[in-house]
Amino acid sequence: TEEEEYTRALLFHARESKDEVVEDTPENRRKGWRRIVLLFDFFFPGSGRGDLGIGPILEALKTPTYKDGWGGWKPFSWGEDEVKDFQRFSASGKPTVLPIIQIILARGPEEVQRWLGVVTKWKFKRVVPMHLDAPLAIGPSEFANTFDFTKSGKNEVRFCDEDVQFLRKAEEGPLNFSVYKSTLGTLRGEPCGLRKPPKS
């Protein structure tokens, strides 16, 4: 991207330390993008460690003029498995349902299947999703395969189980009173052995 605000966001997330000023290179932009995708799809991905306490805020207040904004606030650090984590998530551009959306759709698997019965009658050769890679060169059957969890009887994801652990705990805990249970259960993936960075 050539838009300054977007570039600044990519470089902001590519940092390894709070006060680091990251050079604007294609590699660093990709690194920032990778981290943004993992953070905003899983909130607390398995390859990272978050600290939403007062510590990072107090540190940011010490440097209010940090070049890329927010005082350099850095409540998240990344482990060695970040690239592996992203590769598992992206699966070379294979279509997916984002986990927060899957939590919602899992509440009505029969209705999703009814909707797919309508949509897959259309003769299309590509899909333009709202997020991530677009357009996707897929037809009705490949599109329907993205929602296989609605007929498998299990709320399975293709992502690492470590990535959906936070969402699963939220669903079983604080959100338990506000969302009705799904017959498919909570999100589950295959464990990938992702290692978090050490606590600072």
N, C-alpha and C. Protein backbone atom coordinates (compact mmCIF):
# COMPACT_ATOMS: atom_id res chain seq x y z
N THR A 1 0.84 -1.18 0.00
CA THR A 1 0.00 0.00 0.00
C THR A 1 0.88 1.24 0.00
N GLU A 2 0.37 2.29 -0.58
CA GLU A 2 1.10 3.55 -0.59
C GLU A 2 0.47 4.55 0.38
N GLU A 3 -0.62 4.17 1.04
CA GLU A 3 -1.25 5.08 1.99
C GLU A 3 -0.46 5.09 3.28
N GLU A 4 -0.06 6.28 3.68
CA GLU A 4 0.85 6.43 4.82
C GLU A 4 0.30 5.79 6.09
N GLU A 5 -0.99 5.97 6.34
CA GLU A 5 -1.58 5.43 7.58
C GLU A 5 -1.49 3.91 7.63
N TYR A 6 -1.75 3.26 6.50
CA TYR A 6 -1.69 1.80 6.45
C TYR A 6 -0.25 1.31 6.60
N THR A 7 0.67 2.00 5.91
CA THR A 7 2.07 1.63 6.02
C THR A 7 2.55 1.75 7.46
N ARG A 8 2.15 2.84 8.12
CA ARG A 8 2.55 3.06 9.51
C ARG A 8 2.03 1.94 10.41
N ALA A 9 0.78 1.48 10.15
CA ALA A 9 0.21 0.38 10.95
C ALA A 9 1.00 -0.91 10.74
N LEU A 10 1.38 -1.19 9.51
CA LEU A 10 2.15 -2.41 9.23
C LEU A 10 3.49 -2.38 9.96
N LEU A 11 4.17 -1.25 9.91
CA LEU A 11 5.48 -1.15 10.54
C LEU A 11 5.36 -1.12 12.06
N PHE A 12 4.29 -0.52 12.58
CA PHE A 12 4.03 -0.49 14.02
C PHE A 12 3.96 -1.91 14.57
N HIS A 13 3.28 -2.80 13.85
CA HIS A 13 3.12 -4.18 14.32
C HIS A 13 4.32 -5.07 14.00
N ALA A 14 5.24 -4.57 13.19
CA ALA A 14 6.44 -5.35 12.85
C ALA A 14 7.54 -5.20 13.90
N ARG A 15 7.33 -4.33 14.89
CA ARG A 15 8.38 -4.08 15.90
C ARG A 15 8.64 -5.29 16.79
N GLU A 16 9.89 -5.38 17.25
CA GLU A 16 10.25 -6.39 18.23
C GLU A 16 10.35 -5.78 19.63
N SER A 17 10.54 -4.48 19.70
CA SER A 17 10.61 -3.79 20.99
C SER A 17 9.83 -2.49 20.91
N LYS A 18 9.47 -1.95 22.04
CA LYS A 18 8.57 -0.80 22.10
C LYS A 18 9.06 0.41 21.31
N ASP A 19 10.32 0.77 21.46
CA ASP A 19 10.82 1.99 20.86
C ASP A 19 11.47 1.79 19.49
N GLU A 20 11.43 0.57 18.99
CA GLU A 20 12.05 0.30 17.70
C GLU A 20 11.35 1.07 16.58
N VAL A 21 12.12 1.66 15.70
CA VAL A 21 11.59 2.28 14.49
C VAL A 21 11.95 1.34 13.35
N VAL A 22 10.94 0.72 12.77
CA VAL A 22 11.15 -0.33 11.79
C VAL A 22 11.34 0.26 10.40
N GLU A 23 12.34 -0.22 9.70
CA GLU A 23 12.61 0.23 8.33
C GLU A 23 11.46 -0.21 7.42
N ASP A 24 11.08 0.67 6.50
CA ASP A 24 9.99 0.35 5.58
C ASP A 24 10.52 -0.50 4.43
N THR A 25 10.39 -1.82 4.58
CA THR A 25 10.79 -2.77 3.54
C THR A 25 9.62 -3.71 3.27
N PRO A 26 9.59 -4.34 2.10
CA PRO A 26 8.52 -5.32 1.83
C PRO A 26 8.45 -6.42 2.90
N GLU A 27 9.63 -6.87 3.36
CA GLU A 27 9.66 -7.93 4.37
C GLU A 27 9.01 -7.47 5.68
N ASN A 28 9.31 -6.24 6.11
CA ASN A 28 8.72 -5.73 7.35
C ASN A 28 7.23 -5.45 7.20
N ARG A 29 6.82 -5.04 6.02
CA ARG A 29 5.38 -4.86 5.79
C ARG A 29 4.65 -6.20 5.90
N ARG A 30 5.24 -7.23 5.30
CA ARG A 30 4.63 -8.57 5.38
C ARG A 30 4.58 -9.06 6.83
N LYS A 31 5.63 -8.79 7.57
CA LYS A 31 5.69 -9.19 8.98
C LYS A 31 4.58 -8.50 9.77
N GLY A 32 4.41 -7.20 9.56
CA GLY A 32 3.35 -6.47 10.24
C GLY A 32 1.97 -6.98 9.85
N TRP A 33 1.79 -7.26 8.57
CA TRP A 33 0.50 -7.78 8.08
C TRP A 33 0.20 -9.14 8.72
N ARG A 34 1.20 -9.99 8.76
CA ARG A 34 1.04 -11.33 9.34
C ARG A 34 0.57 -11.22 10.79
N ARG A 35 1.17 -10.34 11.54
CA ARG A 35 0.82 -10.17 12.95
C ARG A 35 -0.56 -9.56 13.12
N ILE A 36 -0.90 -8.59 12.28
CA ILE A 36 -2.24 -7.99 12.34
C ILE A 36 -3.30 -9.05 12.09
N VAL A 37 -3.08 -9.89 11.07
CA VAL A 37 -4.05 -10.94 10.74
C VAL A 37 -4.24 -11.89 11.92
N LEU A 38 -3.15 -12.36 12.51
CA LEU A 38 -3.25 -13.29 13.64
C LEU A 38 -3.92 -12.63 14.85
N LEU A 39 -3.53 -11.39 15.14
CA LEU A 39 -4.10 -10.69 16.30
C LEU A 39 -5.60 -10.48 16.17
N PHE A 40 -6.02 -10.01 15.01
CA PHE A 40 -7.41 -9.62 14.88
C PHE A 40 -8.33 -10.76 14.48
N ASP A 41 -7.76 -11.91 14.17
CA ASP A 41 -8.61 -13.09 13.96
C ASP A 41 -8.74 -13.92 15.24
N PHE A 42 -7.70 -13.91 16.08
CA PHE A 42 -7.72 -14.75 17.27
C PHE A 42 -7.66 -13.96 18.58
N PHE A 43 -7.36 -12.67 18.52
CA PHE A 43 -7.20 -11.79 19.68
C PHE A 43 -5.95 -12.13 20.50
N PHE A 44 -5.80 -13.40 20.86
CA PHE A 44 -4.60 -13.87 21.56
C PHE A 44 -4.11 -15.14 20.87
N PRO A 45 -3.43 -14.99 19.72
CA PRO A 45 -2.97 -16.18 18.99
C PRO A 45 -1.96 -17.00 19.77
N GLY A 46 -1.87 -18.26 19.42
CA GLY A 46 -1.02 -19.19 20.15
C GLY A 46 0.46 -18.90 20.09
N SER A 47 0.91 -18.16 19.07
CA SER A 47 2.34 -17.89 18.94
C SER A 47 2.75 -16.57 19.59
N GLY A 48 1.81 -15.91 20.28
CA GLY A 48 2.13 -14.63 20.90
C GLY A 48 1.75 -14.60 22.37
N ARG A 49 2.11 -13.51 23.00
CA ARG A 49 1.76 -13.31 24.41
C ARG A 49 1.29 -11.88 24.58
N GLY A 50 0.10 -11.72 25.17
CA GLY A 50 -0.45 -10.39 25.39
C GLY A 50 -0.35 -9.95 26.84
N ASP A 51 -0.24 -8.64 27.02
CA ASP A 51 -0.25 -8.06 28.36
C ASP A 51 -1.13 -6.82 28.30
N LEU A 52 -2.36 -6.95 28.72
CA LEU A 52 -3.30 -5.83 28.67
C LEU A 52 -3.37 -5.10 30.00
N GLY A 53 -2.36 -5.32 30.84
CA GLY A 53 -2.30 -4.65 32.13
C GLY A 53 -1.81 -3.22 32.00
N ILE A 54 -1.55 -2.62 33.11
CA ILE A 54 -1.15 -1.21 33.16
C ILE A 54 0.30 -1.00 32.72
N GLY A 55 1.14 -2.05 32.81
CA GLY A 55 2.57 -1.93 32.49
C GLY A 55 2.86 -1.35 31.12
N PRO A 56 2.34 -1.95 30.02
CA PRO A 56 2.60 -1.40 28.69
C PRO A 56 2.06 0.02 28.51
N ILE A 57 0.97 0.33 29.17
CA ILE A 57 0.41 1.69 29.07
C ILE A 57 1.34 2.69 29.73
N LEU A 58 1.84 2.36 30.91
CA LEU A 58 2.77 3.27 31.61
C LEU A 58 4.05 3.47 30.79
N GLU A 59 4.52 2.39 30.14
CA GLU A 59 5.71 2.51 29.30
C GLU A 59 5.43 3.43 28.11
N ALA A 60 4.26 3.30 27.51
CA ALA A 60 3.90 4.14 26.36
C ALA A 60 3.79 5.60 26.73
N LEU A 61 3.33 5.88 27.94
CA LEU A 61 3.20 7.27 28.39
C LEU A 61 4.56 7.97 28.52
N LYS A 62 5.62 7.18 28.61
CA LYS A 62 6.97 7.75 28.72
C LYS A 62 7.47 8.28 27.37
N THR A 63 6.86 7.80 26.28
CA THR A 63 7.31 8.20 24.94
C THR A 63 6.13 8.66 24.08
N PRO A 64 5.46 9.76 24.48
CA PRO A 64 4.25 10.21 23.77
C PRO A 64 4.49 10.63 22.33
N THR A 65 5.75 10.92 21.97
CA THR A 65 6.02 11.38 20.61
C THR A 65 6.58 10.28 19.71
N TYR A 66 6.40 9.01 20.10
CA TYR A 66 6.89 7.91 19.26
C TYR A 66 6.41 8.09 17.83
N LYS A 67 7.29 7.90 16.88
CA LYS A 67 7.07 8.19 15.46
C LYS A 67 5.76 7.61 14.90
N ASP A 68 5.44 6.37 15.21
CA ASP A 68 4.27 5.72 14.61
C ASP A 68 3.04 5.74 15.51
N GLY A 69 3.06 6.58 16.53
CA GLY A 69 1.86 6.80 17.34
C GLY A 69 1.72 5.91 18.56
N TRP A 70 0.69 6.18 19.32
CA TRP A 70 0.31 5.40 20.50
C TRP A 70 1.42 5.34 21.56
N GLY A 71 2.39 6.24 21.46
CA GLY A 71 3.50 6.21 22.41
C GLY A 71 4.33 4.94 22.30
N GLY A 72 4.16 4.24 21.16
CA GLY A 72 4.87 2.97 20.99
C GLY A 72 4.27 1.84 21.82
N TRP A 73 3.02 2.02 22.29
CA TRP A 73 2.35 1.00 23.11
C TRP A 73 2.56 -0.38 22.50
N LYS A 74 3.03 -1.32 23.30
CA LYS A 74 3.33 -2.67 22.78
C LYS A 74 2.90 -3.72 23.80
N PRO A 75 1.60 -4.04 23.78
CA PRO A 75 1.11 -5.03 24.74
C PRO A 75 1.26 -6.48 24.28
N PHE A 76 1.91 -6.69 23.13
CA PHE A 76 1.98 -8.03 22.58
C PHE A 76 3.38 -8.35 22.11
N SER A 77 3.84 -9.56 22.40
CA SER A 77 5.14 -10.02 21.91
C SER A 77 4.94 -11.34 21.17
N TRP A 78 5.90 -11.66 20.33
CA TRP A 78 5.76 -12.82 19.45
C TRP A 78 6.86 -13.85 19.70
N GLY A 79 6.49 -15.12 19.55
CA GLY A 79 7.43 -16.21 19.72
C GLY A 79 8.00 -16.68 18.39
N GLU A 80 8.82 -17.70 18.45
CA GLU A 80 9.50 -18.21 17.26
C GLU A 80 8.56 -18.89 16.28
N ASP A 81 7.36 -19.25 16.71
CA ASP A 81 6.45 -20.00 15.85
C ASP A 81 5.44 -19.11 15.12
N GLU A 82 5.67 -17.83 15.11
CA GLU A 82 4.75 -16.88 14.48
C GLU A 82 4.52 -17.20 12.99
N VAL A 83 5.60 -17.46 12.24
CA VAL A 83 5.47 -17.74 10.81
C VAL A 83 4.72 -19.06 10.60
N LYS A 84 5.08 -20.07 11.37
CA LYS A 84 4.39 -21.37 11.31
C LYS A 84 2.90 -21.19 11.59
N ASP A 85 2.58 -20.38 12.58
CA ASP A 85 1.20 -20.10 12.96
C ASP A 85 0.44 -19.47 11.79
N PHE A 86 1.05 -18.47 11.17
CA PHE A 86 0.39 -17.78 10.06
C PHE A 86 0.22 -18.71 8.87
N GLN A 87 1.23 -19.54 8.59
CA GLN A 87 1.12 -20.47 7.46
C GLN A 87 -0.03 -21.44 7.65
N ARG A 88 -0.21 -21.90 8.89
CA ARG A 88 -1.32 -22.81 9.18
C ARG A 88 -2.65 -22.08 8.99
N PHE A 89 -2.70 -20.82 9.44
CA PHE A 89 -3.93 -20.05 9.28
C PHE A 89 -4.24 -19.78 7.81
N SER A 90 -3.25 -19.33 7.05
CA SER A 90 -3.50 -18.90 5.67
C SER A 90 -3.68 -20.07 4.71
N ALA A 91 -3.03 -21.20 4.98
CA ALA A 91 -3.17 -22.40 4.14
C ALA A 91 -3.09 -22.06 2.65
N SER A 92 -2.11 -21.23 2.30
CA SER A 92 -1.89 -20.83 0.90
C SER A 92 -3.12 -20.21 0.25
N GLY A 93 -3.91 -19.51 1.02
CA GLY A 93 -5.06 -18.80 0.47
C GLY A 93 -6.34 -19.61 0.40
N LYS A 94 -6.34 -20.80 0.98
CA LYS A 94 -7.56 -21.63 0.98
C LYS A 94 -8.67 -20.89 1.75
N PRO A 95 -9.89 -20.88 1.22
CA PRO A 95 -10.97 -20.15 1.90
C PRO A 95 -11.29 -20.73 3.28
N THR A 96 -11.71 -19.85 4.15
CA THR A 96 -12.04 -20.28 5.52
C THR A 96 -13.13 -19.38 6.09
N VAL A 97 -13.68 -19.81 7.20
CA VAL A 97 -14.59 -18.98 7.98
C VAL A 97 -13.79 -18.47 9.16
N LEU A 98 -13.77 -17.17 9.36
CA LEU A 98 -13.02 -16.62 10.49
C LEU A 98 -13.61 -17.13 11.80
N PRO A 99 -12.79 -17.37 12.81
CA PRO A 99 -13.26 -18.05 14.02
C PRO A 99 -14.42 -17.36 14.73
N ILE A 100 -14.42 -16.03 14.80
CA ILE A 100 -15.50 -15.35 15.50
C ILE A 100 -16.82 -15.53 14.74
N ILE A 101 -16.74 -15.60 13.42
CA ILE A 101 -17.93 -15.84 12.60
C ILE A 101 -18.39 -17.29 12.76
N GLN A 102 -17.43 -18.21 12.85
CA GLN A 102 -17.79 -19.62 13.02
C GLN A 102 -18.51 -19.83 14.35
N ILE A 103 -18.10 -19.11 15.39
CA ILE A 103 -18.79 -19.21 16.68
C ILE A 103 -20.27 -18.86 16.50
N ILE A 104 -20.55 -17.83 15.71
CA ILE A 104 -21.93 -17.40 15.48
C ILE A 104 -22.67 -18.42 14.62
N LEU A 105 -22.07 -18.83 13.50
CA LEU A 105 -22.74 -19.76 12.59
C LEU A 105 -22.99 -21.12 13.23
N ALA A 106 -22.14 -21.51 14.18
CA ALA A 106 -22.29 -22.81 14.84
C ALA A 106 -23.57 -22.86 15.68
N ARG A 107 -24.18 -21.71 15.93
CA ARG A 107 -25.43 -21.70 16.68
C ARG A 107 -26.62 -22.14 15.82
N GLY A 108 -26.44 -22.14 14.50
CA GLY A 108 -27.53 -22.54 13.60
C GLY A 108 -27.02 -23.34 12.42
N PRO A 109 -26.39 -24.49 12.65
CA PRO A 109 -25.83 -25.25 11.52
C PRO A 109 -26.86 -25.66 10.47
N GLU A 110 -28.07 -25.98 10.91
CA GLU A 110 -29.11 -26.37 9.95
C GLU A 110 -29.47 -25.21 9.03
N GLU A 111 -29.52 -24.00 9.59
CA GLU A 111 -29.84 -22.82 8.80
C GLU A 111 -28.70 -22.51 7.81
N VAL A 112 -27.45 -22.71 8.23
CA VAL A 112 -26.32 -22.51 7.32
C VAL A 112 -26.42 -23.50 6.17
N GLN A 113 -26.75 -24.74 6.47
CA GLN A 113 -26.89 -25.75 5.42
C GLN A 113 -28.05 -25.41 4.47
N ARG A 114 -29.13 -24.88 5.00
CA ARG A 114 -30.25 -24.45 4.15
C ARG A 114 -29.79 -23.35 3.21
N TRP A 115 -29.06 -22.37 3.75
CA TRP A 115 -28.55 -21.25 2.96
C TRP A 115 -27.59 -21.75 1.87
N LEU A 116 -26.71 -22.70 2.24
CA LEU A 116 -25.78 -23.26 1.26
C LEU A 116 -26.53 -23.98 0.14
N GLY A 117 -27.65 -24.61 0.50
CA GLY A 117 -28.46 -25.28 -0.51
C GLY A 117 -28.96 -24.32 -1.58
N VAL A 118 -29.21 -23.09 -1.18
CA VAL A 118 -29.65 -22.06 -2.13
C VAL A 118 -28.46 -21.53 -2.92
N VAL A 119 -27.41 -21.14 -2.20
CA VAL A 119 -26.25 -20.49 -2.84
C VAL A 119 -25.54 -21.42 -3.81
N THR A 120 -25.43 -22.69 -3.47
CA THR A 120 -24.67 -23.61 -4.34
C THR A 120 -25.43 -23.99 -5.60
N LYS A 121 -26.65 -23.53 -5.76
CA LYS A 121 -27.37 -23.72 -7.03
C LYS A 121 -26.94 -22.68 -8.05
N TRP A 122 -26.33 -21.62 -7.59
CA TRP A 122 -25.84 -20.58 -8.50
C TRP A 122 -24.60 -21.10 -9.21
N LYS A 123 -24.40 -20.67 -10.44
CA LYS A 123 -23.22 -21.09 -11.21
C LYS A 123 -22.21 -19.95 -11.15
N PHE A 124 -21.30 -20.05 -10.19
CA PHE A 124 -20.26 -19.03 -10.07
C PHE A 124 -18.88 -19.67 -10.12
N LYS A 125 -17.90 -18.85 -10.50
CA LYS A 125 -16.53 -19.33 -10.64
C LYS A 125 -15.56 -18.60 -9.74
N ARG A 126 -16.05 -17.60 -9.03
CA ARG A 126 -15.19 -16.89 -8.09
C ARG A 126 -16.02 -16.27 -6.98
N VAL A 127 -15.36 -16.06 -5.87
CA VAL A 127 -15.98 -15.45 -4.69
C VAL A 127 -15.09 -14.29 -4.25
N VAL A 128 -15.72 -13.19 -3.87
CA VAL A 128 -14.97 -12.03 -3.38
C VAL A 128 -15.29 -11.86 -1.90
N PRO A 129 -14.44 -12.39 -1.01
CA PRO A 129 -14.69 -12.29 0.43
C PRO A 129 -14.41 -10.87 0.94
N MET A 130 -14.92 -10.58 2.13
CA MET A 130 -14.72 -9.27 2.72
C MET A 130 -13.30 -9.05 3.21
N HIS A 131 -12.62 -10.11 3.60
CA HIS A 131 -11.30 -9.98 4.20
C HIS A 131 -10.30 -10.91 3.53
N LEU A 132 -9.03 -10.55 3.66
CA LEU A 132 -7.90 -11.37 3.23
C LEU A 132 -7.88 -11.55 1.71
N ASP A 133 -7.43 -12.70 1.21
CA ASP A 133 -7.23 -12.87 -0.23
C ASP A 133 -8.54 -12.72 -1.00
N ALA A 134 -8.47 -12.00 -2.13
CA ALA A 134 -9.64 -11.83 -2.98
C ALA A 134 -9.18 -11.39 -4.37
N PRO A 135 -9.93 -11.80 -5.40
CA PRO A 135 -11.01 -12.77 -5.38
C PRO A 135 -10.46 -14.20 -5.32
N LEU A 136 -11.32 -15.14 -4.97
CA LEU A 136 -10.94 -16.54 -4.90
C LEU A 136 -11.56 -17.29 -6.08
N ALA A 137 -10.75 -18.04 -6.80
CA ALA A 137 -11.24 -18.80 -7.95
C ALA A 137 -11.83 -20.13 -7.47
N ILE A 138 -13.04 -20.07 -6.93
CA ILE A 138 -13.72 -21.27 -6.43
C ILE A 138 -15.16 -21.28 -6.92
N GLY A 139 -15.69 -22.48 -7.03
CA GLY A 139 -17.07 -22.66 -7.44
C GLY A 139 -17.95 -23.07 -6.26
N PRO A 140 -19.20 -23.44 -6.54
CA PRO A 140 -20.15 -23.76 -5.48
C PRO A 140 -19.70 -24.86 -4.51
N SER A 141 -19.12 -25.95 -5.01
CA SER A 141 -18.77 -27.05 -4.10
C SER A 141 -17.61 -26.66 -3.19
N GLU A 142 -16.61 -25.95 -3.73
CA GLU A 142 -15.49 -25.51 -2.89
C GLU A 142 -15.95 -24.48 -1.86
N PHE A 143 -16.89 -23.64 -2.27
CA PHE A 143 -17.45 -22.66 -1.34
C PHE A 143 -18.15 -23.39 -0.19
N ALA A 144 -18.97 -24.39 -0.52
CA ALA A 144 -19.70 -25.15 0.50
C ALA A 144 -18.75 -25.88 1.44
N ASN A 145 -17.63 -26.37 0.91
CA ASN A 145 -16.67 -27.09 1.75
C ASN A 145 -16.14 -26.24 2.89
N THR A 146 -16.13 -24.93 2.69
CA THR A 146 -15.66 -24.01 3.73
C THR A 146 -16.51 -24.12 4.99
N PHE A 147 -17.74 -24.55 4.84
CA PHE A 147 -18.69 -24.63 5.96
C PHE A 147 -18.93 -26.07 6.41
N ASP A 148 -17.97 -26.96 6.12
CA ASP A 148 -18.13 -28.38 6.48
C ASP A 148 -18.39 -28.61 7.96
N PHE A 149 -17.93 -27.69 8.80
CA PHE A 149 -18.13 -27.86 10.24
C PHE A 149 -19.61 -27.93 10.60
N THR A 150 -20.47 -27.34 9.76
CA THR A 150 -21.91 -27.34 10.09
C THR A 150 -22.56 -28.71 9.88
N LYS A 151 -21.89 -29.59 9.15
CA LYS A 151 -22.47 -30.93 8.97
C LYS A 151 -21.63 -32.03 9.59
N SER A 152 -20.47 -31.67 10.15
CA SER A 152 -19.58 -32.68 10.73
C SER A 152 -20.00 -33.07 12.14
N GLY A 153 -20.81 -32.21 12.77
CA GLY A 153 -21.20 -32.46 14.16
C GLY A 153 -20.19 -31.93 15.16
N LYS A 154 -19.09 -31.31 14.66
CA LYS A 154 -18.06 -30.78 15.54
C LYS A 154 -17.67 -29.37 15.07
N ASN A 155 -17.38 -28.52 16.00
CA ASN A 155 -17.01 -27.14 15.69
C ASN A 155 -15.51 -27.06 15.43
N GLU A 156 -15.06 -27.76 14.39
CA GLU A 156 -13.64 -27.87 14.09
C GLU A 156 -13.17 -26.75 13.19
N VAL A 157 -11.92 -26.33 13.41
CA VAL A 157 -11.29 -25.33 12.56
C VAL A 157 -10.01 -25.92 11.99
N ARG A 158 -9.53 -25.37 10.92
CA ARG A 158 -8.28 -25.87 10.34
C ARG A 158 -7.07 -25.20 10.99
N PHE A 159 -7.31 -24.24 11.89
CA PHE A 159 -6.25 -23.50 12.55
C PHE A 159 -5.67 -24.32 13.70
N CYS A 160 -4.58 -23.81 14.24
CA CYS A 160 -3.98 -24.45 15.41
C CYS A 160 -4.92 -24.32 16.61
N ASP A 161 -5.03 -25.37 17.39
CA ASP A 161 -5.89 -25.32 18.57
C ASP A 161 -5.43 -24.22 19.53
N GLU A 162 -4.13 -23.99 19.59
CA GLU A 162 -3.60 -22.94 20.48
C GLU A 162 -4.17 -21.57 20.10
N ASP A 163 -4.49 -21.38 18.80
CA ASP A 163 -5.03 -20.10 18.34
C ASP A 163 -6.46 -19.85 18.81
N VAL A 164 -7.24 -20.89 18.92
CA VAL A 164 -8.65 -20.69 19.31
C VAL A 164 -8.87 -20.92 20.80
N GLN A 165 -7.80 -21.16 21.55
CA GLN A 165 -7.93 -21.42 22.98
C GLN A 165 -8.58 -20.25 23.72
N PHE A 166 -8.15 -19.02 23.41
CA PHE A 166 -8.72 -17.84 24.08
C PHE A 166 -10.21 -17.72 23.77
N LEU A 167 -10.58 -17.87 22.51
CA LEU A 167 -11.99 -17.76 22.12
C LEU A 167 -12.82 -18.87 22.77
N ARG A 168 -12.24 -20.07 22.85
CA ARG A 168 -12.94 -21.19 23.48
C ARG A 168 -13.19 -20.90 24.96
N LYS A 169 -12.15 -20.40 25.64
CA LYS A 169 -12.31 -20.08 27.07
C LYS A 169 -13.32 -18.96 27.28
N ALA A 170 -13.33 -17.99 26.37
CA ALA A 170 -14.31 -16.90 26.47
C ALA A 170 -15.73 -17.43 26.29
N GLU A 171 -15.88 -18.35 25.35
CA GLU A 171 -17.19 -18.94 25.07
C GLU A 171 -17.67 -19.79 26.25
N GLU A 172 -16.74 -20.48 26.87
CA GLU A 172 -17.10 -21.33 28.01
C GLU A 172 -17.25 -20.53 29.30
N GLY A 173 -16.63 -19.35 29.33
CA GLY A 173 -16.64 -18.53 30.53
C GLY A 173 -17.51 -17.30 30.43
N PRO A 174 -16.90 -16.11 30.22
CA PRO A 174 -17.65 -14.85 30.26
C PRO A 174 -18.82 -14.77 29.29
N LEU A 175 -18.68 -15.39 28.11
CA LEU A 175 -19.77 -15.31 27.13
C LEU A 175 -20.85 -16.36 27.34
N ASN A 176 -20.62 -17.24 28.28
CA ASN A 176 -21.54 -18.36 28.51
C ASN A 176 -22.96 -17.90 28.79
N PHE A 177 -23.09 -16.77 29.47
CA PHE A 177 -24.43 -16.29 29.83
C PHE A 177 -25.11 -15.54 28.69
N SER A 178 -24.33 -15.07 27.69
CA SER A 178 -24.91 -14.20 26.67
C SER A 178 -25.13 -14.86 25.32
N VAL A 179 -24.55 -16.03 25.10
CA VAL A 179 -24.79 -16.75 23.85
C VAL A 179 -25.27 -18.16 24.17
N TYR A 180 -26.28 -18.60 23.44
CA TYR A 180 -26.75 -19.95 23.73
C TYR A 180 -25.79 -20.97 23.14
N LYS A 181 -25.76 -22.13 23.75
CA LYS A 181 -24.79 -23.15 23.38
C LYS A 181 -25.07 -23.70 21.99
N SER A 182 -23.99 -24.12 21.35
CA SER A 182 -24.09 -24.75 20.04
C SER A 182 -24.08 -26.26 20.22
N THR A 183 -24.85 -26.95 19.41
CA THR A 183 -24.82 -28.42 19.44
C THR A 183 -23.48 -28.94 18.93
N LEU A 184 -22.71 -28.07 18.27
CA LEU A 184 -21.41 -28.47 17.73
C LEU A 184 -20.28 -28.34 18.75
N GLY A 185 -20.57 -27.73 19.89
CA GLY A 185 -19.54 -27.52 20.90
C GLY A 185 -18.73 -26.26 20.61
N THR A 186 -17.63 -26.11 21.32
CA THR A 186 -16.78 -24.93 21.14
C THR A 186 -15.70 -25.20 20.10
N LEU A 187 -15.05 -24.15 19.64
CA LEU A 187 -14.02 -24.26 18.60
C LEU A 187 -12.91 -25.21 19.02
N ARG A 188 -12.51 -26.08 18.08
CA ARG A 188 -11.41 -27.02 18.31
C ARG A 188 -10.58 -27.12 17.05
N GLY A 189 -9.26 -27.14 17.23
CA GLY A 189 -8.35 -27.36 16.12
C GLY A 189 -7.35 -28.44 16.51
N GLU A 190 -6.43 -28.70 15.63
CA GLU A 190 -5.37 -29.66 15.97
C GLU A 190 -4.24 -28.92 16.67
N PRO A 191 -3.72 -29.46 17.79
CA PRO A 191 -2.57 -28.81 18.44
C PRO A 191 -1.37 -28.78 17.48
N CYS A 192 -0.71 -27.62 17.44
CA CYS A 192 0.45 -27.45 16.56
C CYS A 192 1.74 -27.35 17.34
N GLY A 193 1.67 -27.37 18.67
CA GLY A 193 2.88 -27.23 19.48
C GLY A 193 3.46 -25.83 19.43
N LEU A 194 2.59 -24.81 19.23
CA LEU A 194 3.08 -23.44 19.17
C LEU A 194 3.66 -23.03 20.53
N ARG A 195 4.80 -22.35 20.46
CA ARG A 195 5.45 -21.87 21.68
C ARG A 195 5.28 -20.37 21.82
N LYS A 196 4.81 -19.95 22.98
CA LYS A 196 4.69 -18.53 23.26
C LYS A 196 6.06 -17.97 23.62
N PRO A 197 6.25 -16.66 23.44
CA PRO A 197 7.51 -16.08 23.90
C PRO A 197 7.57 -16.11 25.41
N PRO A 198 8.76 -16.06 26.00
CA PRO A 198 8.85 -16.05 27.46
C PRO A 198 8.23 -14.78 28.03
N LYS A 199 7.74 -14.86 29.24
CA LYS A 199 7.20 -13.67 29.91
C LYS A 199 8.32 -12.67 30.14
N SER A 200 8.00 -11.40 29.92
CA SER A 200 9.04 -10.37 30.11
C SER A 200 9.05 -9.89 31.53
